[in-house]
Protein backbone atom coordinates (compact mmCIF):
# COMPACT_ATOMS: atom_id res chain seq x y z
CA UNK A 1 66.60 137.53 -109.03
CA UNK A 2 65.32 138.60 -112.32
CA UNK A 3 62.07 139.62 -113.75
CA UNK A 4 61.14 140.44 -117.24
CA UNK A 5 57.50 141.47 -117.28
CA UNK A 6 56.20 141.77 -120.97
CA UNK A 7 59.40 143.17 -122.44
CA UNK A 8 59.74 144.92 -125.79
CA UNK A 9 63.31 146.31 -127.08
CA UNK A 10 63.39 148.08 -130.60
CA UNK A 11 66.53 148.67 -132.75
CA UNK A 12 65.12 151.71 -134.89
CA UNK A 13 61.96 150.79 -136.27
CA UNK A 14 62.39 147.19 -135.77
CA UNK A 15 60.74 145.25 -132.89
CA UNK A 16 63.60 142.72 -131.90
CA UNK A 17 62.33 141.62 -128.53
CA UNK A 18 58.57 141.16 -128.22
CA UNK A 19 56.73 140.73 -124.88
CA UNK A 20 59.16 138.44 -123.11
CA UNK A 21 58.41 137.29 -119.71
CA UNK A 22 60.79 135.63 -117.59
CA UNK A 23 61.43 134.77 -113.79
CA UNK A 24 64.74 133.40 -112.79
CA UNK A 25 65.09 132.61 -108.88
CA UNK A 26 68.35 133.70 -106.91
CA UNK A 27 70.95 130.75 -107.63
CA UNK A 28 69.02 129.44 -110.60
CA UNK A 29 70.78 129.26 -114.19
CA UNK A 30 68.49 130.00 -116.81
CA UNK A 31 69.42 129.77 -120.68
CA UNK A 32 68.03 131.20 -123.88
CA UNK A 33 68.18 129.53 -127.04
CA UNK A 34 67.38 129.80 -130.64
CA UNK A 35 68.38 130.48 -134.15
CA UNK A 36 70.81 133.39 -135.03
CA UNK A 37 68.64 136.93 -135.02
CA UNK A 38 66.09 135.70 -132.94
CA UNK A 39 66.73 138.33 -130.42
CA UNK A 40 68.75 136.51 -127.79
CA UNK A 41 71.92 138.94 -127.52
CA UNK A 42 69.39 142.01 -127.74
CA UNK A 43 67.53 140.92 -124.87
CA UNK A 44 70.90 140.20 -122.89
CA UNK A 45 72.24 143.70 -123.87
CA UNK A 46 68.87 145.13 -122.36
CA UNK A 47 69.38 143.08 -119.19
CA UNK A 48 72.74 144.69 -118.97
CA UNK A 49 71.68 148.19 -119.39
CA UNK A 50 73.31 148.72 -122.80
CA UNK A 51 69.92 148.56 -124.55
CA UNK A 52 66.61 150.82 -123.86
CA UNK A 53 63.40 149.18 -123.03
CA UNK A 54 60.46 150.28 -125.39
CA UNK A 55 57.70 148.72 -123.29
CA UNK A 56 57.64 146.55 -119.98
CA UNK A 57 60.37 146.16 -117.41
CA UNK A 58 63.63 144.34 -115.79
CA UNK A 59 63.70 144.20 -112.54
CA UNK A 60 66.57 142.82 -110.10
CA UNK A 61 65.87 141.78 -106.59
CA UNK A 62 62.34 143.24 -106.89
CA UNK A 63 63.74 146.47 -108.09
CA UNK A 64 62.93 148.00 -111.61
CA UNK A 65 66.41 148.81 -113.26
CA UNK A 66 64.85 149.25 -116.70
CA UNK A 67 61.50 150.72 -117.93
CA UNK A 68 60.50 153.28 -121.05
CA UNK A 69 60.67 156.10 -118.55
CA UNK A 70 63.88 154.96 -116.64
CA UNK A 71 67.04 153.29 -117.20
CA UNK A 72 69.60 152.33 -114.45
CA UNK A 73 73.06 152.76 -115.41
CA UNK A 74 75.21 149.42 -116.35
CA UNK A 75 77.60 150.21 -113.56
CA UNK A 76 75.05 150.33 -110.96
CA UNK A 77 73.35 147.11 -111.65
CA UNK A 78 76.01 144.54 -110.04
CA UNK A 79 75.76 142.54 -113.31
CA UNK A 80 79.02 140.67 -114.47
CA UNK A 81 79.17 139.52 -118.27
CA UNK A 82 81.13 137.06 -120.05
CA UNK A 83 81.55 137.46 -123.96
CA UNK A 84 82.31 134.69 -126.64
CA UNK A 85 85.51 136.46 -127.52
CA UNK A 86 86.89 136.38 -123.85
CA UNK A 87 87.74 140.05 -124.05
CA UNK A 88 90.90 139.71 -121.82
CA UNK A 89 93.55 142.50 -121.63
CA UNK A 90 96.61 140.98 -123.28
CA UNK A 91 98.91 143.67 -121.33
CA UNK A 92 97.80 142.37 -117.92
CA UNK A 93 98.55 138.98 -116.25
CA UNK A 94 95.96 136.78 -115.23
CA UNK A 95 95.63 138.00 -111.26
CA UNK A 96 95.33 141.84 -112.71
CA UNK A 97 92.78 140.49 -115.25
CA UNK A 98 90.52 138.96 -112.62
CA UNK A 99 90.91 141.72 -110.09
CA UNK A 100 90.15 144.55 -112.70
CA UNK A 101 86.75 144.90 -111.45
CA UNK A 102 87.23 144.99 -107.81
CA UNK A 103 87.94 148.69 -107.94
CA UNK A 104 87.00 149.35 -104.18
CA UNK A 105 88.67 146.09 -102.65
CA UNK A 106 92.22 146.44 -100.97
CA UNK A 107 95.29 144.92 -102.37
CA UNK A 108 94.96 141.90 -99.66
CA UNK A 109 91.41 141.35 -100.39
CA UNK A 110 92.24 141.60 -104.15
CA UNK A 111 94.79 138.72 -103.73
CA UNK A 112 92.55 136.59 -101.62
CA UNK A 113 89.79 136.80 -104.26
CA UNK A 114 92.10 136.05 -106.92
CA UNK A 115 93.86 132.94 -105.14
CA UNK A 116 90.40 131.63 -104.16
CA UNK A 117 88.80 131.88 -108.01
CA UNK A 118 92.10 130.42 -109.49
CA UNK A 119 91.70 127.38 -107.19
CA UNK A 120 87.98 127.48 -108.20
CA UNK A 121 88.71 127.16 -111.83
CA UNK A 122 91.42 124.49 -111.35
CA UNK A 123 94.41 127.09 -112.51
CA UNK A 124 96.14 127.77 -109.29
CA UNK A 125 99.82 129.27 -109.63
CA UNK A 126 98.67 131.10 -112.98
CA UNK A 127 98.39 134.62 -111.33
CA UNK A 128 101.68 135.71 -113.30
CA UNK A 129 100.90 134.39 -116.64
CA UNK A 130 99.68 136.40 -119.65
CA UNK A 131 96.70 135.73 -121.56
CA UNK A 132 98.76 134.67 -124.91
CA UNK A 133 100.54 132.08 -122.74
CA UNK A 134 96.94 130.14 -122.23
CA UNK A 135 95.21 127.84 -124.31
CA UNK A 136 91.59 128.88 -125.31
CA UNK A 137 89.96 126.86 -122.44
CA UNK A 138 92.02 128.66 -119.75
CA UNK A 139 91.46 131.86 -121.16
CA UNK A 140 87.58 131.41 -120.82
CA UNK A 141 88.01 130.13 -117.29
CA UNK A 142 89.98 133.49 -116.60
CA UNK A 143 87.12 135.48 -118.27
CA UNK A 144 84.83 133.83 -116.06
CA UNK A 145 86.77 134.45 -112.81
CA UNK A 146 87.16 138.24 -113.75
CA UNK A 147 83.23 138.41 -114.15
CA UNK A 148 82.77 136.76 -110.59
CA UNK A 149 85.42 138.35 -109.01
CA UNK A 150 83.26 141.38 -107.75
CA UNK A 151 80.54 138.71 -106.90
CA UNK A 152 77.84 140.16 -108.87
CA UNK A 153 74.11 139.29 -108.19
CA UNK A 154 73.56 138.41 -111.80
CA UNK A 155 76.07 137.13 -114.17
CA UNK A 156 75.36 137.03 -118.27
CA UNK A 157 76.88 134.94 -120.65
CA UNK A 158 76.77 135.51 -124.25
CA UNK A 159 77.50 132.58 -126.16
CA UNK A 160 80.75 132.11 -124.00
CA UNK A 161 82.11 128.63 -125.43
CA UNK A 162 81.03 129.15 -129.29
CA UNK A 163 84.87 129.60 -130.23
CA UNK A 164 85.69 126.07 -128.52
CA UNK A 165 85.85 122.67 -129.88
CA UNK A 166 82.73 120.86 -129.04
CA UNK A 167 84.62 118.49 -126.49
CA UNK A 168 85.63 121.60 -124.46
CA UNK A 169 82.51 123.30 -124.77
CA UNK A 170 80.50 120.28 -123.07
CA UNK A 171 83.44 119.85 -120.52
CA UNK A 172 83.55 123.41 -119.70
CA UNK A 173 79.64 123.55 -119.35
CA UNK A 174 79.61 121.35 -116.91
CA UNK A 175 82.62 122.71 -114.69
CA UNK A 176 80.92 126.48 -115.23
CA UNK A 177 77.48 125.23 -113.61
CA UNK A 178 79.21 123.77 -110.85
CA UNK A 179 81.28 126.92 -109.98
CA UNK A 180 77.95 129.09 -110.09
CA UNK A 181 76.54 126.84 -107.78
CA UNK A 182 79.53 127.05 -105.44
CA UNK A 183 79.49 130.90 -105.59
CA UNK A 184 75.81 130.75 -105.65
CA UNK A 185 75.36 133.25 -108.76
CA UNK A 186 72.26 133.51 -110.38
CA UNK A 187 73.06 133.14 -114.07
CA UNK A 188 71.49 133.60 -117.73
CA UNK A 189 73.37 131.94 -120.82
CA UNK A 190 72.67 132.87 -124.39
CA UNK A 191 73.69 129.96 -126.78
CA UNK A 192 72.59 128.29 -129.81
CA UNK A 193 73.98 124.98 -128.59
CA UNK A 194 71.54 122.33 -127.28
CA UNK A 195 73.65 120.17 -125.45
CA UNK A 196 75.39 123.33 -123.71
CA UNK A 197 72.30 124.51 -122.42
CA UNK A 198 71.14 121.08 -120.98
CA UNK A 199 74.41 120.64 -119.18
CA UNK A 200 74.16 124.06 -117.66
CA UNK A 201 70.61 125.36 -117.20
CA UNK A 202 67.96 124.93 -114.42
CA UNK A 203 65.47 126.52 -116.57
CA UNK A 204 65.67 127.33 -120.62
CA UNK A 205 63.69 128.81 -123.06
CA UNK A 206 63.61 128.93 -126.76
CA UNK A 207 63.23 132.07 -128.72
CA UNK A 208 61.94 132.93 -132.04
CA UNK A 209 61.59 136.15 -134.23
CA UNK A 210 61.96 138.18 -131.02
CA UNK A 211 59.28 136.09 -128.94
CA UNK A 212 59.55 133.65 -126.23
CA UNK A 213 57.58 130.20 -127.34
CA UNK A 214 58.57 128.46 -123.76
CA UNK A 215 60.36 128.91 -120.72
CA UNK A 216 60.51 125.59 -118.56
CA UNK A 217 62.99 122.75 -117.36
CA UNK A 218 65.25 121.30 -120.14
CA UNK A 219 63.23 118.12 -119.67
CA UNK A 220 59.91 119.74 -120.36
CA UNK A 221 61.32 121.55 -123.22
CA UNK A 222 62.30 118.14 -124.75
CA UNK A 223 59.66 115.97 -123.49
CA UNK A 224 56.49 118.31 -123.40
CA UNK A 225 57.25 120.93 -125.89
CA UNK A 226 54.22 123.77 -126.08
CA UNK A 227 54.86 124.87 -129.57
CA UNK A 228 55.62 123.47 -132.80
CA UNK A 229 58.79 125.51 -133.29
CA UNK A 230 59.92 124.41 -129.91
CA UNK A 231 59.51 120.68 -130.80
CA UNK A 232 60.89 120.98 -134.05
CA UNK A 233 64.38 123.27 -132.50
CA UNK A 234 65.13 120.91 -129.63
CA UNK A 235 66.67 117.61 -130.27
CA UNK A 236 66.30 115.58 -133.40
CA UNK A 237 62.88 114.35 -134.63
CA UNK A 238 60.12 114.89 -137.06
CA UNK A 239 56.35 116.20 -137.12
CA UNK A 240 54.23 113.70 -138.99
CA UNK A 241 50.33 114.14 -139.60
CA UNK A 242 47.75 112.23 -138.47
CA UNK A 243 43.84 111.85 -137.81
CA UNK A 244 42.21 110.64 -134.55
CA UNK A 245 39.24 108.30 -134.99
CA UNK A 246 36.47 108.32 -132.72
CA UNK A 247 37.66 105.91 -130.58
CA UNK A 248 40.71 107.61 -129.48
CA UNK A 249 43.30 105.97 -131.86
CA UNK A 250 45.22 107.78 -134.78
CA UNK A 251 45.83 107.15 -138.39
CA UNK A 252 49.27 107.96 -139.09
CA UNK A 253 52.43 106.98 -141.39
CA UNK A 254 53.31 104.76 -138.53
CA UNK A 255 50.03 102.80 -138.65
CA UNK A 256 47.28 103.08 -136.19
CA UNK A 257 48.61 104.60 -132.96
CA UNK A 258 46.79 104.55 -129.25
CA UNK A 259 48.36 106.59 -126.27
CA UNK A 260 46.67 108.43 -123.34
CA UNK A 261 47.57 111.48 -124.79
CA UNK A 262 44.89 110.92 -127.54
CA UNK A 263 41.96 110.96 -125.25
CA UNK A 264 41.89 114.66 -125.24
CA UNK A 265 41.19 114.82 -128.98
CA UNK A 266 37.90 115.01 -130.74
CA UNK A 267 37.23 112.35 -132.98
CA UNK A 268 38.16 113.29 -136.67
CA UNK A 269 40.67 116.22 -135.87
CA UNK A 270 43.66 116.44 -138.34
CA UNK A 271 46.86 116.56 -135.92
CA UNK A 272 50.58 116.72 -136.05
CA UNK A 273 52.77 114.47 -133.63
CA UNK A 274 56.35 114.75 -132.83
CA UNK A 275 58.51 111.77 -133.55
CA UNK A 276 61.64 111.39 -131.78
CA UNK A 277 64.57 108.93 -132.69
CA UNK A 278 64.06 106.85 -129.61
CA UNK A 279 60.38 106.71 -130.24
CA UNK A 280 61.00 104.30 -132.87
CA UNK A 281 63.12 100.95 -131.90
CA UNK A 282 64.28 99.04 -134.63
CA UNK A 283 62.56 95.40 -134.76
CA UNK A 284 62.96 92.91 -137.61
CA UNK A 285 59.50 91.56 -137.02
CA UNK A 286 57.56 94.88 -137.02
CA UNK A 287 55.14 95.31 -139.99
CA UNK A 288 56.43 98.90 -140.65
CA UNK A 289 58.98 98.69 -142.84
CA UNK A 290 61.39 101.17 -144.39
CA UNK A 291 64.69 101.61 -146.26
CA UNK A 292 67.78 103.26 -144.85
CA UNK A 293 68.64 106.19 -146.49
CA UNK A 294 71.56 107.85 -144.38
CA UNK A 295 73.48 106.93 -141.40
CA UNK A 296 75.24 109.34 -139.09
CA UNK A 297 77.76 107.95 -136.39
CA UNK A 298 77.26 109.14 -132.97
CA UNK A 299 79.77 107.14 -130.86
CA UNK A 300 77.59 104.79 -128.96
CA UNK A 301 75.03 104.79 -131.53
CA UNK A 302 73.98 105.51 -135.13
CA UNK A 303 71.24 107.86 -136.04
CA UNK A 304 69.36 106.54 -139.03
CA UNK A 305 67.49 108.20 -141.52
CA UNK A 306 64.76 105.96 -142.80
CA UNK A 307 62.29 106.40 -145.34
CA UNK A 308 58.87 104.69 -144.99
CA UNK A 309 56.97 102.89 -147.34
CA UNK A 310 54.57 106.01 -147.63
CA UNK A 311 57.65 108.31 -148.46
CA UNK A 312 57.75 109.74 -145.03
CA UNK A 313 61.45 110.07 -143.56
CA UNK A 314 61.76 109.43 -139.94
CA UNK A 315 64.91 108.86 -137.76
CA UNK A 316 65.89 105.89 -135.46
CA UNK A 317 68.77 104.92 -133.40
CA UNK A 318 70.70 101.55 -132.76
CA UNK A 319 73.95 100.59 -131.02
CA UNK A 320 77.01 101.35 -133.29
CA UNK A 321 78.34 97.89 -133.06
CA UNK A 322 75.37 96.67 -135.24
CA UNK A 323 75.82 98.82 -138.13
CA UNK A 324 73.28 98.76 -140.99
CA UNK A 325 74.13 99.70 -144.40
CA UNK A 326 72.26 102.47 -146.30
CA UNK A 327 69.79 100.97 -148.66
CA UNK A 328 69.15 97.99 -146.16
CA UNK A 329 65.42 97.72 -145.36
CA UNK A 330 64.49 97.56 -141.68
CA UNK A 331 61.40 97.38 -139.26
CA UNK A 332 60.65 99.75 -136.89
CA UNK A 333 58.14 99.46 -133.94
CA UNK A 334 56.77 102.84 -132.24
CA UNK A 335 57.51 102.77 -128.76
CA UNK A 336 56.26 106.28 -127.41
CA UNK A 337 56.74 107.15 -123.65
CA UNK A 338 55.76 110.56 -124.34
CA UNK A 339 53.60 111.24 -127.24
CA UNK A 340 53.48 115.09 -128.11
CA UNK A 341 50.57 116.03 -130.11
CA UNK A 342 49.30 119.23 -131.64
CA UNK A 343 46.42 120.50 -133.27
CA UNK A 344 45.98 122.96 -136.03
CA UNK A 345 45.06 126.54 -135.19
CA UNK A 346 46.36 127.96 -138.53
CA UNK A 347 48.92 130.66 -136.79
CA UNK A 348 51.60 129.92 -139.50
CA UNK A 349 54.74 130.93 -138.43
CA UNK A 350 56.67 133.36 -141.45
CA UNK A 351 59.87 131.75 -142.50
CA UNK A 352 59.09 128.33 -140.59
CA UNK A 353 58.62 125.30 -142.54
CA UNK A 354 58.01 121.65 -141.58
CA UNK A 355 56.24 118.65 -142.70
CA UNK A 356 52.82 119.83 -141.19
CA UNK A 357 51.32 122.84 -140.81
CA UNK A 358 51.38 125.17 -137.50
CA UNK A 359 49.93 123.61 -134.62
CA UNK A 360 48.90 124.40 -130.99
CA UNK A 361 49.78 121.54 -128.13
CA UNK A 362 47.19 119.31 -127.09
CA UNK A 363 48.03 118.88 -123.07
CA UNK A 364 47.06 116.30 -120.86
CA UNK A 365 43.71 117.56 -119.19
CA UNK A 366 45.48 118.04 -115.50
CA UNK A 367 47.44 120.78 -117.42
CA UNK A 368 45.13 122.26 -119.92
CA UNK A 369 43.64 124.68 -117.03
């Protein structure tokens, strides 16, 4: 349904989007993640037709809608948009807001579609209410219904839940995903909230300084990041340095580690590896010791920052009913299910800093080809 082919977008002399390629199948929900200023919203505007393309192309249903020499008008693309500020018309009631884009529909068709969508978003009977009579969550549902009313072939959502509180954001993300699947609408979401992305997306990508570093399933982004920035940006975790020896073991601040992922690494190679909080299990019998420097309550569990004897700080989790005090010594046992290892390639990212140099991923042999 959506194909971006080596897309470049410039604002004046500045390259805002650089070489982005994406495929999104009909009915799929995609998400673009990344820090502020990485080009996410500019990319969305180019897809909508509000921004010209400097190079590459944008295709909808295998038809080119944007290229350097051609740009189809936004109103001809069959695209719906949902903005972070809702943009409801204050002088129109809910029914008129929802049906606003159904210009070619009869009055009967508009009424039927409004009733259908209000049922689907859980707000039946709200036809005569006005935006100021609705809560933030209700306004966002109405904005979504308005975008869906003309049955667009592609829906673009630009940080649609950013003005809502965290609990409501998470709940709405799940509800919006269910609604889009029922409506069989292809959608692309822009956000900086990882939980929001994971709750909604079939495919997701991380952008940095205009480049798309990885486009994959949320599971793969978390467990098999293919770029240091992706590893650092997705989820909690730290990047530590180690050296692989000739026997396939790795000397590291966590001690000697062994894992099938290390079989691909030549002996003597300096590497960086990703350590998530769930990779280190509190264990009083472990020889790996550290001191708790900070504790964060996360509901069912606590997230601890632990300084090891070597001076390296790592993260670990434990059940919140077993609360440990800051300053307590703790034993940690490495327990890696996925060991994500990166090898040095001297491609330092400008403006990006971590505990290790920039690295490229070492993938299992089956994936390297």
